[in-house]
Structures are given as structure tokens and as C-alpha cells.
Amino acid sequence: MAREKIILACGDCKNRNYFTMKNKRTHPERVEWKKYCPRCNKHVVHKETK
């Protein structure tokens, strides 16, 4: 399967907040999305982790 589960971690506090899917075949690089972090109480960049 090309789609795999990924975990998004906050760039500031490193808290793992989001779980989502991505197609590793079309997007092999790590993703970065600006999402809301409930621990930081603001929108910050979340990066894909292992």
C-alpha cells in the first residue's frame, strides 16, 4: 500500500498532536503543516515524525 499513517509533532513543544495518512509514493519527503497546538494554545508548524 502506498498510503501510510504519519504522526505530526509540534515544532515548539514537540508534542505529538495529530495522526493522519499520506501517500509515500507521490510525496516521499516529510510534510510540514501549520496546525493548532492545544498545549501551546496557538497555531504553529507541525512536522512529520517517525
PDB file of N, CA and C in Angstrom:
ATOM      1  N   MET A   1       0.833  -1.187   0.000  1.00  0.00           N
ATOM      2  CA  MET A   1       0.000   0.000   0.000  1.00  0.00           C
ATOM      3  C   MET A   1       0.873   1.243   0.000  1.00  0.00           C
ATOM      4  N   ALA A   2       0.453   2.236  -0.732  1.00  0.00           N
ATOM      5  CA  ALA A   2       1.216   3.473  -0.830  1.00  0.00           C
ATOM      6  C   ALA A   2       0.904   4.421   0.324  1.00  0.00           C
ATOM      7  N   ARG A   3      -0.308   4.346   0.861  1.00  0.00           N
ATOM      8  CA  ARG A   3      -0.692   5.257   1.947  1.00  0.00           C
ATOM      9  C   ARG A   3      -0.271   4.673   3.291  1.00  0.00           C
ATOM     10  N   GLU A   4       0.370   5.530   4.099  1.00  0.00           N
ATOM     11  CA  GLU A   4       0.809   5.099   5.417  1.00  0.00           C
ATOM     12  C   GLU A   4       0.414   6.134   6.459  1.00  0.00           C
ATOM     13  N   LYS A   5       0.283   5.666   7.695  1.00  0.00           N
ATOM     14  CA  LYS A   5      -0.031   6.566   8.799  1.00  0.00           C
ATOM     15  C   LYS A   5       1.201   7.366   9.163  1.00  0.00           C
ATOM     16  N   ILE A   6       1.010   8.666   9.441  1.00  0.00           N
ATOM     17  CA  ILE A   6       2.101   9.509   9.903  1.00  0.00           C
ATOM     18  C   ILE A   6       1.658  10.247  11.164  1.00  0.00           C
ATOM     19  N   ILE A   7       2.629  10.678  11.950  1.00  0.00           N
ATOM     20  CA  ILE A   7       2.371  11.419  13.176  1.00  0.00           C
ATOM     21  C   ILE A   7       2.936  12.818  12.998  1.00  0.00           C
ATOM     22  N   LEU A   8       2.148  13.837  13.360  1.00  0.00           N
ATOM     23  CA  LEU A   8       2.598  15.221  13.278  1.00  0.00           C
ATOM     24  C   LEU A   8       2.901  15.730  14.680  1.00  0.00           C
ATOM     25  N   ALA A   9       4.102  16.286  14.867  1.00  0.00           N
ATOM     26  CA  ALA A   9       4.531  16.798  16.165  1.00  0.00           C
ATOM     27  C   ALA A   9       4.713  18.302  16.079  1.00  0.00           C
ATOM     28  N   CYS A  10       4.394  18.992  17.157  1.00  0.00           N
ATOM     29  CA  CYS A  10       4.521  20.443  17.240  1.00  0.00           C
ATOM     30  C   CYS A  10       5.993  20.837  17.137  1.00  0.00           C
ATOM     31  N   GLY A  11       6.267  21.926  16.433  1.00  0.00           N
ATOM     32  CA  GLY A  11       7.632  22.403  16.283  1.00  0.00           C
ATOM     33  C   GLY A  11       8.161  23.073  17.531  1.00  0.00           C
ATOM     34  N   ASP A  12       7.283  23.620  18.375  1.00  0.00           N
ATOM     35  CA  ASP A  12       7.717  24.315  19.588  1.00  0.00           C
ATOM     36  C   ASP A  12       7.863  23.371  20.779  1.00  0.00           C
ATOM     37  N   CYS A  13       6.787  22.683  21.135  1.00  0.00           N
ATOM     38  CA  CYS A  13       6.805  21.858  22.351  1.00  0.00           C
ATOM     39  C   CYS A  13       7.063  20.375  22.064  1.00  0.00           C
ATOM     40  N   LYS A  14       7.151  19.974  20.796  1.00  0.00           N
ATOM     41  CA  LYS A  14       7.411  18.584  20.378  1.00  0.00           C
ATOM     42  C   LYS A  14       6.321  17.605  20.795  1.00  0.00           C
ATOM     43  N   ASN A  15       5.142  18.109  21.127  1.00  0.00           N
ATOM     44  CA  ASN A  15       4.017  17.261  21.497  1.00  0.00           C
ATOM     45  C   ASN A  15       3.399  16.658  20.235  1.00  0.00           C
ATOM     46  N   ARG A  16       3.124  15.345  20.243  1.00  0.00           N
ATOM     47  CA  ARG A  16       2.526  14.675  19.092  1.00  0.00           C
ATOM     48  C   ARG A  16       1.018  14.851  19.159  1.00  0.00           C
ATOM     49  N   ASN A  17       0.495  15.729  18.298  1.00  0.00           N
ATOM     50  CA  ASN A  17      -0.913  16.109  18.365  1.00  0.00           C
ATOM     51  C   ASN A  17      -1.800  15.450  17.322  1.00  0.00           C
ATOM     52  N   TYR A  18      -1.291  15.183  16.128  1.00  0.00           N
ATOM     53  CA  TYR A  18      -2.141  14.754  15.023  1.00  0.00           C
ATOM     54  C   TYR A  18      -1.627  13.469  14.393  1.00  0.00           C
ATOM     55  N   PHE A  19      -2.571  12.612  13.969  1.00  0.00           N
ATOM     56  CA  PHE A  19      -2.294  11.395  13.225  1.00  0.00           C
ATOM     57  C   PHE A  19      -3.072  11.491  11.927  1.00  0.00           C
ATOM     58  N   THR A  20      -2.412  11.245  10.799  1.00  0.00           N
ATOM     59  CA  THR A  20      -3.067  11.347   9.501  1.00  0.00           C
ATOM     60  C   THR A  20      -2.428  10.355   8.538  1.00  0.00           C
ATOM     61  N   MET A  21      -2.891  10.358   7.302  1.00  0.00           N
ATOM     62  CA  MET A  21      -2.367   9.464   6.273  1.00  0.00           C
ATOM     63  C   MET A  21      -1.736  10.298   5.161  1.00  0.00           C
ATOM     64  N   LYS A  22      -0.734   9.703   4.492  1.00  0.00           N
ATOM     65  CA  LYS A  22      -0.174  10.355   3.312  1.00  0.00           C
ATOM     66  C   LYS A  22       0.299   9.292   2.343  1.00  0.00           C
ATOM     67  N   ASN A  23       0.357   9.669   1.076  1.00  0.00           N
ATOM     68  CA  ASN A  23       0.811   8.776   0.028  1.00  0.00           C
ATOM     69  C   ASN A  23       2.321   8.915  -0.094  1.00  0.00           C
ATOM     70  N   LYS A  24       3.055   7.896   0.350  1.00  0.00           N
ATOM     71  CA  LYS A  24       4.521   7.950   0.343  1.00  0.00           C
ATOM     72  C   LYS A  24       5.090   7.873  -1.071  1.00  0.00           C
ATOM     73  N   ARG A  25       4.333   7.340  -1.997  1.00  0.00           N
ATOM     74  CA  ARG A  25       4.827   7.209  -3.368  1.00  0.00           C
ATOM     75  C   ARG A  25       4.874   8.567  -4.071  1.00  0.00           C
ATOM     76  N   THR A  26       3.857   9.408  -3.871  1.00  0.00           N
ATOM     77  CA  THR A  26       3.824  10.709  -4.539  1.00  0.00           C
ATOM     78  C   THR A  26       4.497  11.807  -3.729  1.00  0.00           C
ATOM     79  N   HIS A  27       4.595  11.643  -2.387  1.00  0.00           N
ATOM     80  CA  HIS A  27       5.222  12.640  -1.513  1.00  0.00           C
ATOM     81  C   HIS A  27       6.216  11.950  -0.578  1.00  0.00           C
ATOM     82  N   PRO A  28       7.399  11.605  -1.067  1.00  0.00           N
ATOM     83  CA  PRO A  28       8.361  10.888  -0.217  1.00  0.00           C
ATOM     84  C   PRO A  28       8.996  11.762   0.857  1.00  0.00           C
ATOM     85  N   GLU A  29       8.999  13.089   0.673  1.00  0.00           N
ATOM     86  CA  GLU A  29       9.604  13.981   1.666  1.00  0.00           C
ATOM     87  C   GLU A  29       8.683  14.141   2.879  1.00  0.00           C
ATOM     88  N   ARG A  30       9.254  14.633   3.966  1.00  0.00           N
ATOM     89  CA  ARG A  30       8.470  14.849   5.186  1.00  0.00           C
ATOM     90  C   ARG A  30       7.596  16.090   5.024  1.00  0.00           C
ATOM     91  N   VAL A  31       6.382  16.013   5.569  1.00  0.00           N
ATOM     92  CA  VAL A  31       5.434  17.119   5.422  1.00  0.00           C
ATOM     93  C   VAL A  31       5.541  18.076   6.609  1.00  0.00           C
ATOM     94  N   GLU A  32       5.165  19.325   6.366  1.00  0.00           N
ATOM     95  CA  GLU A  32       5.069  20.350   7.403  1.00  0.00           C
ATOM     96  C   GLU A  32       3.767  21.106   7.180  1.00  0.00           C
ATOM     97  N   TRP A  33       2.921  21.119   8.195  1.00  0.00           N
ATOM     98  CA  TRP A  33       1.653  21.828   8.125  1.00  0.00           C
ATOM     99  C   TRP A  33       1.526  22.745   9.319  1.00  0.00           C
ATOM    100  N   LYS A  34       0.891  23.898   9.113  1.00  0.00           N
ATOM    101  CA  LYS A  34       0.627  24.812  10.216  1.00  0.00           C
ATOM    102  C   LYS A  34      -0.726  24.437  10.798  1.00  0.00           C
ATOM    103  N   LYS A  35      -0.717  23.923  12.038  1.00  0.00           N
ATOM    104  CA  LYS A  35      -1.931  23.455  12.697  1.00  0.00           C
ATOM    105  C   LYS A  35      -1.983  23.986  14.125  1.00  0.00           C
ATOM    106  N   TYR A  36      -3.139  23.826  14.758  1.00  0.00           N
ATOM    107  CA  TYR A  36      -3.338  24.307  16.116  1.00  0.00           C
ATOM    108  C   TYR A  36      -2.749  23.323  17.119  1.00  0.00           C
ATOM    109  N   CYS A  37      -1.990  23.843  18.083  1.00  0.00           N
ATOM    110  CA  CYS A  37      -1.440  23.033  19.168  1.00  0.00           C
ATOM    111  C   CYS A  37      -2.174  23.405  20.456  1.00  0.00           C
ATOM    112  N   PRO A  38      -2.903  22.464  21.059  1.00  0.00           N
ATOM    113  CA  PRO A  38      -3.629  22.773  22.287  1.00  0.00           C
ATOM    114  C   PRO A  38      -2.704  23.034  23.477  1.00  0.00           C
ATOM    115  N   ARG A  39      -1.513  22.477  23.458  1.00  0.00           N
ATOM    116  CA  ARG A  39      -0.577  22.698  24.561  1.00  0.00           C
ATOM    117  C   ARG A  39       0.034  24.102  24.492  1.00  0.00           C
ATOM    118  N   CYS A  40       0.384  24.557  23.284  1.00  0.00           N
ATOM    119  CA  CYS A  40       0.935  25.911  23.099  1.00  0.00           C
ATOM    120  C   CYS A  40      -0.165  26.962  23.014  1.00  0.00           C
ATOM    121  N   ASN A  41      -1.382  26.534  22.734  1.00  0.00           N
ATOM    122  CA  ASN A  41      -2.551  27.406  22.611  1.00  0.00           C
ATOM    123  C   ASN A  41      -2.408  28.393  21.455  1.00  0.00           C
ATOM    124  N   LYS A  42      -1.814  27.935  20.341  1.00  0.00           N
ATOM    125  CA  LYS A  42      -1.675  28.776  19.146  1.00  0.00           C
ATOM    126  C   LYS A  42      -1.403  27.890  17.933  1.00  0.00           C
ATOM    127  N   HIS A  43      -1.413  28.502  16.746  1.00  0.00           N
ATOM    128  CA  HIS A  43      -1.098  27.787  15.510  1.00  0.00           C
ATOM    129  C   HIS A  43       0.410  27.815  15.292  1.00  0.00           C
ATOM    130  N   VAL A  44       0.990  26.628  15.133  1.00  0.00           N
ATOM    131  CA  VAL A  44       2.433  26.508  14.901  1.00  0.00           C
ATOM    132  C   VAL A  44       2.664  25.427  13.837  1.00  0.00           C
ATOM    133  N   VAL A  45       3.867  25.372  13.317  1.00  0.00           N
ATOM    134  CA  VAL A  45       4.221  24.374  12.304  1.00  0.00           C
ATOM    135  C   VAL A  45       4.350  23.008  12.965  1.00  0.00           C
ATOM    136  N   HIS A  46       3.667  22.029  12.383  1.00  0.00           N
ATOM    137  CA  HIS A  46       3.766  20.641  12.834  1.00  0.00           C
ATOM    138  C   HIS A  46       4.516  19.859  11.759  1.00  0.00           C
ATOM    139  N   LYS A  47       5.496  19.056  12.194  1.00  0.00           N
ATOM    140  CA  LYS A  47       6.324  18.293  11.267  1.00  0.00           C
ATOM    141  C   LYS A  47       6.076  16.800  11.439  1.00  0.00           C
ATOM    142  N   GLU A  48       6.266  16.076  10.342  1.00  0.00           N
ATOM    143  CA  GLU A  48       6.111  14.625  10.367  1.00  0.00           C
ATOM    144  C   GLU A  48       7.236  13.974  11.175  1.00  0.00           C
ATOM    145  N   THR A  49       6.869  13.029  12.038  1.00  0.00           N
ATOM    146  CA  THR A  49       7.845  12.298  12.833  1.00  0.00           C
ATOM    147  C   THR A  49       7.710  10.809  12.541  1.00  0.00           C
ATOM    148  N   LYS A  50       8.632  10.039  13.042  1.00  0.00           N
ATOM    149  CA  LYS A  50       8.597   8.589  12.862  1.00  0.00           C
ATOM    150  C   LYS A  50       7.691   7.947  13.886  1.00  0.00           C
TER     151      LYS A  50
END
